[in-house]
Amino acid sequence: MIPKIIVWLVLLIAAINLAIGLWIPESPARTTVSSILLGLIVLLGVGYFIALRRSSK
């Protein structure tokens, strides 16, 4: 159950990041928000692998 939720969160964050990239002009604020969202995706990816390892035991 948890890995499926993590996948949906990553997809949602990626879609938000794409929307920000398309509709907000280039600025330092956009770069900062985009970097934070990418960091969240990386952290969720780590959590995904941890959740998979726990669920396989």
N, C-alpha and C. Protein backbone atom coordinates (compact mmCIF):
# COMPACT_ATOMS: atom_id res chain seq x y z
N MET A 1 0.83 -1.21 0.00
CA MET A 1 0.00 0.00 0.00
C MET A 1 0.86 1.26 0.00
N ILE A 2 1.86 1.31 0.88
CA ILE A 2 2.70 2.50 0.97
C ILE A 2 3.48 2.76 -0.32
N PRO A 3 4.10 1.74 -0.96
CA PRO A 3 4.81 2.04 -2.22
C PRO A 3 3.90 2.67 -3.28
N LYS A 4 2.64 2.23 -3.35
CA LYS A 4 1.71 2.78 -4.33
C LYS A 4 1.43 4.26 -4.04
N ILE A 5 1.29 4.60 -2.76
CA ILE A 5 1.07 6.00 -2.38
C ILE A 5 2.28 6.85 -2.74
N ILE A 6 3.46 6.31 -2.50
CA ILE A 6 4.70 7.06 -2.82
C ILE A 6 4.79 7.32 -4.31
N VAL A 7 4.45 6.32 -5.12
CA VAL A 7 4.48 6.50 -6.58
C VAL A 7 3.54 7.62 -7.00
N TRP A 8 2.32 7.65 -6.45
CA TRP A 8 1.36 8.70 -6.80
C TRP A 8 1.85 10.07 -6.34
N LEU A 9 2.49 10.14 -5.17
CA LEU A 9 3.03 11.42 -4.71
C LEU A 9 4.14 11.92 -5.64
N VAL A 10 5.00 11.01 -6.07
CA VAL A 10 6.08 11.40 -6.99
C VAL A 10 5.49 11.90 -8.30
N LEU A 11 4.49 11.21 -8.82
CA LEU A 11 3.86 11.66 -10.07
C LEU A 11 3.20 13.02 -9.91
N LEU A 12 2.55 13.25 -8.78
CA LEU A 12 1.91 14.54 -8.52
C LEU A 12 2.94 15.66 -8.41
N ILE A 13 4.01 15.42 -7.69
CA ILE A 13 5.06 16.43 -7.55
C ILE A 13 5.72 16.71 -8.89
N ALA A 14 5.95 15.67 -9.68
CA ALA A 14 6.56 15.86 -11.00
C ALA A 14 5.64 16.68 -11.90
N ALA A 15 4.33 16.45 -11.82
CA ALA A 15 3.38 17.23 -12.62
C ALA A 15 3.38 18.69 -12.18
N ILE A 16 3.43 18.93 -10.89
CA ILE A 16 3.49 20.31 -10.39
C ILE A 16 4.77 20.99 -10.86
N ASN A 17 5.86 20.25 -10.79
CA ASN A 17 7.15 20.81 -11.22
C ASN A 17 7.12 21.14 -12.71
N LEU A 18 6.52 20.28 -13.51
CA LEU A 18 6.40 20.54 -14.94
C LEU A 18 5.53 21.78 -15.20
N ALA A 19 4.43 21.88 -14.48
CA ALA A 19 3.55 23.04 -14.64
C ALA A 19 4.28 24.33 -14.27
N ILE A 20 5.04 24.30 -13.20
CA ILE A 20 5.82 25.47 -12.80
C ILE A 20 6.81 25.84 -13.91
N GLY A 21 7.47 24.82 -14.46
CA GLY A 21 8.44 25.07 -15.53
C GLY A 21 7.81 25.64 -16.78
N LEU A 22 6.57 25.26 -17.06
CA LEU A 22 5.93 25.74 -18.28
C LEU A 22 5.31 27.13 -18.14
N TRP A 23 4.72 27.42 -16.98
CA TRP A 23 3.92 28.64 -16.88
C TRP A 23 4.53 29.78 -16.09
N ILE A 24 5.58 29.51 -15.32
CA ILE A 24 6.21 30.60 -14.56
C ILE A 24 7.50 30.98 -15.29
N PRO A 25 7.68 32.27 -15.55
CA PRO A 25 8.91 32.68 -16.24
C PRO A 25 10.16 32.39 -15.41
N GLU A 26 11.27 32.31 -16.10
CA GLU A 26 12.54 32.01 -15.44
C GLU A 26 12.84 33.07 -14.38
N SER A 27 13.05 32.60 -13.16
CA SER A 27 13.37 33.50 -12.06
C SER A 27 14.06 32.70 -10.96
N PRO A 28 14.71 33.39 -10.04
CA PRO A 28 15.34 32.67 -8.93
C PRO A 28 14.32 31.91 -8.07
N ALA A 29 13.13 32.46 -7.91
CA ALA A 29 12.10 31.79 -7.11
C ALA A 29 11.67 30.49 -7.78
N ARG A 30 11.51 30.50 -9.09
CA ARG A 30 11.13 29.28 -9.80
C ARG A 30 12.21 28.22 -9.66
N THR A 31 13.45 28.63 -9.77
CA THR A 31 14.55 27.68 -9.64
C THR A 31 14.58 27.07 -8.25
N THR A 32 14.35 27.89 -7.24
CA THR A 32 14.35 27.40 -5.86
C THR A 32 13.22 26.41 -5.63
N VAL A 33 12.02 26.76 -6.06
CA VAL A 33 10.86 25.87 -5.88
C VAL A 33 11.08 24.57 -6.64
N SER A 34 11.59 24.67 -7.85
CA SER A 34 11.85 23.48 -8.66
C SER A 34 12.88 22.58 -7.99
N SER A 35 13.92 23.17 -7.43
CA SER A 35 14.94 22.38 -6.75
C SER A 35 14.39 21.69 -5.51
N ILE A 36 13.54 22.38 -4.77
CA ILE A 36 12.92 21.78 -3.58
C ILE A 36 12.04 20.61 -3.99
N LEU A 37 11.25 20.78 -5.04
CA LEU A 37 10.38 19.70 -5.50
C LEU A 37 11.19 18.50 -5.98
N LEU A 38 12.29 18.75 -6.67
CA LEU A 38 13.15 17.64 -7.10
C LEU A 38 13.77 16.93 -5.91
N GLY A 39 14.13 17.69 -4.88
CA GLY A 39 14.65 17.09 -3.65
C GLY A 39 13.61 16.20 -2.98
N LEU A 40 12.36 16.64 -2.99
CA LEU A 40 11.28 15.82 -2.44
C LEU A 40 11.12 14.51 -3.22
N ILE A 41 11.26 14.61 -4.53
CA ILE A 41 11.15 13.40 -5.36
C ILE A 41 12.27 12.41 -5.00
N VAL A 42 13.47 12.92 -4.80
CA VAL A 42 14.60 12.05 -4.43
C VAL A 42 14.34 11.40 -3.07
N LEU A 43 13.87 12.19 -2.10
CA LEU A 43 13.58 11.63 -0.77
C LEU A 43 12.47 10.59 -0.84
N LEU A 44 11.44 10.86 -1.62
CA LEU A 44 10.37 9.87 -1.78
C LEU A 44 10.88 8.61 -2.47
N GLY A 45 11.82 8.77 -3.39
CA GLY A 45 12.42 7.60 -4.04
C GLY A 45 13.16 6.73 -3.05
N VAL A 46 13.90 7.35 -2.15
CA VAL A 46 14.59 6.59 -1.10
C VAL A 46 13.57 5.90 -0.21
N GLY A 47 12.52 6.63 0.16
CA GLY A 47 11.46 6.04 0.97
C GLY A 47 10.77 4.88 0.27
N TYR A 48 10.64 5.00 -1.05
CA TYR A 48 10.02 3.93 -1.84
C TYR A 48 10.83 2.64 -1.73
N PHE A 49 12.15 2.74 -1.90
CA PHE A 49 12.97 1.54 -1.83
C PHE A 49 12.98 0.96 -0.42
N ILE A 50 12.96 1.81 0.59
CA ILE A 50 12.88 1.31 1.97
C ILE A 50 11.55 0.60 2.19
N ALA A 51 10.47 1.19 1.70
CA ALA A 51 9.15 0.56 1.85
C ALA A 51 9.08 -0.77 1.11
N LEU A 52 9.70 -0.84 -0.06
CA LEU A 52 9.71 -2.10 -0.80
C LEU A 52 10.48 -3.18 -0.06
N ARG A 53 11.60 -2.80 0.54
CA ARG A 53 12.39 -3.79 1.28
C ARG A 53 11.62 -4.29 2.49
N ARG A 54 10.93 -3.38 3.17
CA ARG A 54 10.16 -3.80 4.35
C ARG A 54 8.98 -4.67 3.97
N SER A 55 8.34 -4.36 2.85
CA SER A 55 7.16 -5.15 2.47
C SER A 55 7.53 -6.52 1.91
N SER A 56 8.78 -6.69 1.46
CA SER A 56 9.19 -7.98 0.91
C SER A 56 9.61 -8.95 2.00
N LYS A 57 9.81 -8.47 3.22
CA LYS A 57 10.24 -9.37 4.31
C LYS A 57 9.08 -10.12 4.88
